C-alpha cells in the first residue's frame, strides 16, 4: 500500500478513537507537516470519509447497515409510501431512488402499467411484476447497500425524461438534503435534473441532521412527504404530513 494511503488510514483510525482532532494534533501524531495533513483531510473529505471543521476534522455519523434500515421506522415509511403512490398515474415514467422508504413505495407500485427507472437492486426486484416496465441504468453497485452509483449510472440517467423522481435522503435540514456518500449524491442530482418533479420521502428522524455530501437545497424540491410537523420546513417547501409511529 502506498505511503499516503497508509498515512490516511492511520489518520482515520485516530479519528475513530478520538471522535475528532485538530490539524495540529494530527500532524504531531502522524509525524508530518500540517500542510500534509490538510491535503489528506481534503482527499478524505471528498470521499465522504470525514467532515472538515475549522482547524481539524471529525468523522460523520456512520451509515446504518441495510438490514437495520429495513426495520427502522417501518410503519412511518409505509404511510409515506401510501401517500406517494397516490401521486403516480398509470402510464407515468418515474425514477425511484435507493433506500428502504422507496422500497416500500416500489412494493405498492409493482404490477401497475407504468415505467420505473430505479437506482437500487432490491427495488428493481420488487417492481418487476405484471405490467410494470423496470429499467436499471447500470453502474457500480454499493456492496451491502445495493444502490447504483458512478459515471455509467449518471450517463444513462441523462437520457431519461421522467414525470416524477422519488428522492430518498440520509438527512435533511434547513440547509437542504444531504447524503453519506458523494457518489450517491451525484446520482440523485442527475435524477432530479431529468425529472419534472422531485418528491422527497423522509421521516422525521432524519430532520435536522447533516451528512457530508450535499444533494440539493429544500427549494429544489416539489414536495416533501413526511411525518414531520415543523413550520420551518413548511416555510421553505410544500409538505404533506402523514400519520405514523416511529
Protein backbone atom coordinates (compact mmCIF):
# COMPACT_ATOMS: atom_id res chain seq x y z
CA UNK A 1 0.00 0.00 0.00
CA UNK A 2 1.39 3.47 -0.89
CA UNK A 3 2.73 5.57 1.97
CA UNK A 4 0.00 8.22 1.56
CA UNK A 5 -2.72 5.55 1.76
CA UNK A 6 -1.20 4.09 4.93
CA UNK A 7 -0.98 7.54 6.50
CA UNK A 8 -4.59 8.34 5.64
CA UNK A 9 -5.74 5.02 7.09
CA UNK A 10 -3.84 5.84 10.29
CA UNK A 11 -5.45 9.28 10.30
CA UNK A 12 -8.92 7.72 10.09
CA UNK A 13 -8.03 5.29 12.88
CA UNK A 14 -7.02 8.24 15.09
CA UNK A 15 -10.31 10.00 14.39
CA UNK A 16 -12.26 6.83 15.19
CA UNK A 17 -10.50 6.56 18.54
CA UNK A 18 -10.83 10.24 19.44
CA UNK A 19 -14.02 11.28 17.65
CA UNK A 20 -12.37 14.46 16.36
CA UNK A 21 -8.90 16.02 16.36
CA UNK A 22 -7.19 19.26 15.41
CA UNK A 23 -4.96 19.53 12.37
CA UNK A 24 -2.04 20.38 14.65
CA UNK A 25 -2.55 17.29 16.83
CA UNK A 26 -2.96 15.03 13.80
CA UNK A 27 0.30 16.35 12.36
CA UNK A 28 2.08 15.66 15.66
CA UNK A 29 0.71 12.14 15.94
CA UNK A 30 1.45 11.28 12.32
CA UNK A 31 4.88 12.92 12.28
CA UNK A 32 4.16 15.05 9.21
CA UNK A 33 3.55 18.73 8.46
CA UNK A 34 0.20 20.42 8.96
CA UNK A 35 0.13 21.11 5.20
CA UNK A 36 0.35 17.36 4.54
CA UNK A 37 -2.48 16.71 7.00
CA UNK A 38 -4.64 19.35 5.33
CA UNK A 39 -4.11 17.67 1.94
CA UNK A 40 -5.01 14.29 3.44
CA UNK A 41 -8.11 15.74 5.10
CA UNK A 42 -9.23 17.30 1.81
CA UNK A 43 -8.80 13.99 -0.04
CA UNK A 44 -10.66 12.01 2.62
CA UNK A 45 -13.45 14.60 2.81
CA UNK A 46 -14.01 14.31 -0.95
CA UNK A 47 -14.58 10.58 -0.44
CA UNK A 48 -17.12 11.28 2.30
CA UNK A 49 -14.95 9.61 4.94
CA UNK A 50 -14.73 12.59 7.30
CA UNK A 51 -16.07 16.07 7.95
CA UNK A 52 -13.69 19.01 7.97
CA UNK A 53 -14.18 21.53 10.73
CA UNK A 54 -12.28 24.75 11.40
CA UNK A 55 -8.80 23.69 12.47
CA UNK A 56 -9.44 19.96 12.36
CA UNK A 57 -11.77 17.10 11.38
CA UNK A 58 -14.28 14.62 12.72
CA UNK A 59 -15.98 11.50 11.46
CA UNK A 60 -19.51 11.75 10.08
CA UNK A 61 -22.29 9.75 11.65
CA UNK A 62 -21.95 6.23 10.28
CA UNK A 63 -24.48 4.98 7.74
CA UNK A 64 -26.60 2.23 9.36
CA UNK A 65 -26.40 -1.28 7.86
CA UNK A 66 -29.08 -2.08 5.25
CA UNK A 67 -30.72 -4.76 7.41
CA UNK A 68 -31.16 -2.23 10.21
CA UNK A 69 -32.57 0.38 7.81
CA UNK A 70 -35.21 -2.12 6.70
CA UNK A 71 -36.57 -2.40 10.22
CA UNK A 72 -36.25 1.22 11.34
CA UNK A 73 -39.49 3.24 11.41
CA UNK A 74 -41.32 0.77 9.16
CA UNK A 75 -44.90 2.00 9.89
CA UNK A 76 -43.94 5.58 9.02
CA UNK A 77 -42.17 4.53 5.82
CA UNK A 78 -45.24 2.57 4.75
CA UNK A 79 -47.50 5.56 5.47
CA UNK A 80 -45.21 7.81 3.40
CA UNK A 81 -45.23 5.24 0.59
CA UNK A 82 -49.04 5.04 0.55
CA UNK A 83 -49.30 8.81 0.09
CA UNK A 84 -46.58 8.81 -2.59
CA UNK A 85 -48.41 6.10 -4.54
CA UNK A 86 -51.35 8.47 -4.99
CA UNK A 87 -49.12 10.85 -6.98
CA UNK A 88 -48.35 8.26 -9.67
CA UNK A 89 -50.87 7.94 -12.52
CA UNK A 90 -50.96 4.92 -14.80
CA UNK A 91 -48.62 5.38 -17.74
CA UNK A 92 -46.20 7.62 -15.85
CA UNK A 93 -42.42 7.43 -16.03
CA UNK A 94 -40.96 7.57 -12.53
CA UNK A 95 -37.48 7.31 -11.02
CA UNK A 96 -37.18 5.62 -7.64
CA UNK A 97 -34.15 6.46 -5.56
CA UNK A 98 -32.29 3.90 -3.49
CA UNK A 99 -33.37 3.25 0.08
CA UNK A 100 -35.92 1.47 2.20
CA UNK A 101 -38.68 4.11 2.01
CA UNK A 102 -38.52 3.94 -1.79
CA UNK A 103 -38.62 0.14 -1.44
CA UNK A 104 -41.91 0.44 0.47
CA UNK A 105 -43.25 2.55 -2.41
CA UNK A 106 -41.99 0.07 -5.02
CA UNK A 107 -43.99 -2.71 -3.39
CA UNK A 108 -47.15 -0.62 -3.77
CA UNK A 109 -46.46 0.31 -7.40
CA UNK A 110 -45.44 -3.19 -8.55
CA UNK A 111 -47.63 -4.57 -11.32
CA UNK A 112 -49.17 -1.25 -12.38
CA UNK A 113 -48.90 -0.02 -16.01
CA UNK A 114 -46.01 2.41 -15.67
CA UNK A 115 -42.32 2.77 -16.46
CA UNK A 116 -39.99 2.77 -13.45
CA UNK A 117 -36.29 3.63 -13.54
CA UNK A 118 -34.68 2.52 -10.31
CA UNK A 119 -31.31 3.18 -8.71
CA UNK A 120 -31.48 0.20 -6.36
CA UNK A 121 -31.34 -3.58 -6.93
CA UNK A 122 -33.92 -4.68 -4.30
CA UNK A 123 -36.33 -2.04 -5.65
CA UNK A 124 -35.92 -3.36 -9.20
CA UNK A 125 -36.69 -6.86 -7.98
CA UNK A 126 -39.78 -5.67 -6.09
CA UNK A 127 -41.12 -3.73 -9.10
CA UNK A 128 -40.63 -6.39 -11.78
CA UNK A 129 -44.19 -7.71 -11.85
CA UNK A 130 -47.25 -7.52 -14.09
CA UNK A 131 -47.37 -4.50 -16.39
CA UNK A 132 -44.57 -2.54 -14.74
CA UNK A 133 -41.64 -1.88 -17.03
CA UNK A 134 -38.43 -1.69 -14.99
CA UNK A 135 -35.21 -0.05 -16.19
CA UNK A 136 -31.84 -0.19 -14.44
CA UNK A 137 -29.33 2.49 -15.52
CA UNK A 138 -26.30 0.31 -14.77
CA UNK A 139 -23.20 1.44 -12.91
CA UNK A 140 -21.39 0.16 -9.86
CA UNK A 141 -23.31 -1.47 -7.01
CA UNK A 142 -22.53 -0.25 -3.49
CA UNK A 143 -21.80 -3.51 -1.70
CA UNK A 144 -24.06 -4.03 1.28
CA UNK A 145 -26.38 -1.15 0.30
CA UNK A 146 -27.33 -2.22 -3.27
CA UNK A 147 -27.60 1.26 -4.81
CA UNK A 148 -26.19 2.08 -8.25
CA UNK A 149 -23.52 4.78 -8.48
CA UNK A 150 -20.84 6.09 -10.79
CA UNK A 151 -20.43 7.63 -14.23
CA UNK A 152 -22.32 4.86 -16.06
CA UNK A 153 -25.37 5.46 -13.88
CA UNK A 154 -25.23 9.22 -14.44
CA UNK A 155 -24.67 8.87 -18.19
CA UNK A 156 -27.68 6.61 -18.73
CA UNK A 157 -29.87 8.73 -16.45
CA UNK A 158 -29.10 11.72 -18.66
CA UNK A 159 -31.11 10.02 -21.43
CA UNK A 160 -34.25 9.68 -19.26
CA UNK A 161 -37.15 12.13 -19.06
CA UNK A 162 -39.27 11.33 -16.03
CA UNK A 163 -42.51 12.73 -14.64
CA UNK A 164 -41.54 12.14 -11.02
CA UNK A 165 -38.41 11.39 -9.03
CA UNK A 166 -38.97 9.97 -5.56
CA UNK A 167 -35.86 11.08 -3.69
CA UNK A 168 -34.51 9.45 -0.55
CA UNK A 169 -32.16 11.10 1.94
CA UNK A 170 -29.84 10.16 4.75
CA UNK A 171 -30.51 13.56 6.33
CA UNK A 172 -32.31 16.83 5.64
CA UNK A 173 -32.47 20.15 7.38
CA UNK A 174 -32.66 23.90 6.78
CA UNK A 175 -29.54 23.80 4.58
CA UNK A 176 -31.03 21.08 2.35
CA UNK A 177 -30.83 17.37 1.61
CA UNK A 178 -27.57 15.54 2.38
CA UNK A 179 -26.23 12.03 1.94
CA UNK A 180 -23.48 9.81 3.34
CA UNK A 181 -21.63 9.36 0.03
CA UNK A 182 -20.67 11.82 -2.69
CA UNK A 183 -21.25 9.25 -5.43
CA UNK A 184 -24.88 8.72 -4.41
CA UNK A 185 -25.39 12.47 -4.06
CA UNK A 186 -24.23 12.97 -7.66
CA UNK A 187 -26.66 10.33 -8.95
CA UNK A 188 -29.52 11.93 -7.01
CA UNK A 189 -28.77 15.33 -8.54
CA UNK A 190 -28.76 13.83 -12.04
CA UNK A 191 -32.14 12.16 -11.40
CA UNK A 192 -33.52 15.49 -10.20
CA UNK A 193 -32.27 17.20 -13.36
CA UNK A 194 -34.13 14.81 -15.70
CA UNK A 195 -37.41 14.77 -13.76
CA UNK A 196 -40.30 17.22 -13.99
CA UNK A 197 -40.93 16.99 -10.22
CA UNK A 198 -38.86 15.76 -7.28
CA UNK A 199 -40.63 14.45 -4.19
CA UNK A 200 -38.60 13.79 -1.05
CA UNK A 201 -39.68 10.79 1.03
CA UNK A 202 -38.20 11.16 4.53
CA UNK A 203 -39.36 10.50 8.07
CA UNK A 204 -38.79 12.96 10.89
CA UNK A 205 -35.84 11.00 12.34
CA UNK A 206 -33.72 12.46 9.50
CA UNK A 207 -34.72 16.10 10.07
CA UNK A 208 -32.13 18.47 11.50
CA UNK A 209 -29.24 16.12 10.75
CA UNK A 210 -26.40 16.55 8.29
CA UNK A 211 -24.47 14.01 6.25
CA UNK A 212 -21.23 15.00 4.47
CA UNK A 213 -22.43 15.05 0.84
CA UNK A 214 -24.77 17.88 -0.20
CA UNK A 215 -27.56 16.91 -2.61
CA UNK A 216 -29.85 19.92 -3.07
CA UNK A 217 -31.49 22.83 -1.26
CA UNK A 218 -35.05 22.42 0.02
CA UNK A 219 -36.27 24.91 -2.58
CA UNK A 220 -35.29 22.48 -5.36
CA UNK A 221 -37.94 20.02 -4.16
CA UNK A 222 -41.51 19.97 -5.46
CA UNK A 223 -42.87 18.31 -2.33
CA UNK A 224 -41.81 16.60 0.89
CA UNK A 225 -43.84 13.66 2.22
CA UNK A 226 -43.01 13.11 5.87
CA UNK A 227 -44.46 12.61 9.34
CA UNK A 228 -42.75 15.81 10.49
CA UNK A 229 -44.75 18.84 11.64
CA UNK A 230 -42.31 21.75 11.53
CA UNK A 231 -43.14 25.34 10.50
CA UNK A 232 -39.50 25.88 9.45
CA UNK A 233 -39.82 23.13 6.85
CA UNK A 234 -43.26 24.24 5.62
CA UNK A 235 -41.97 27.77 5.13
CA UNK A 236 -39.42 26.52 2.59
CA UNK A 237 -41.15 23.81 0.57
CA UNK A 238 -44.64 22.23 0.12
CA UNK A 239 -45.13 19.47 2.71
CA UNK A 240 -47.65 16.67 3.09
CA UNK A 241 -47.71 15.17 6.57
CA UNK A 242 -48.68 11.55 7.13
CA UNK A 243 -49.51 9.89 10.40
CA UNK A 244 -47.25 7.15 11.63
CA UNK A 245 -45.34 5.90 14.65
CA UNK A 246 -41.57 5.99 14.87
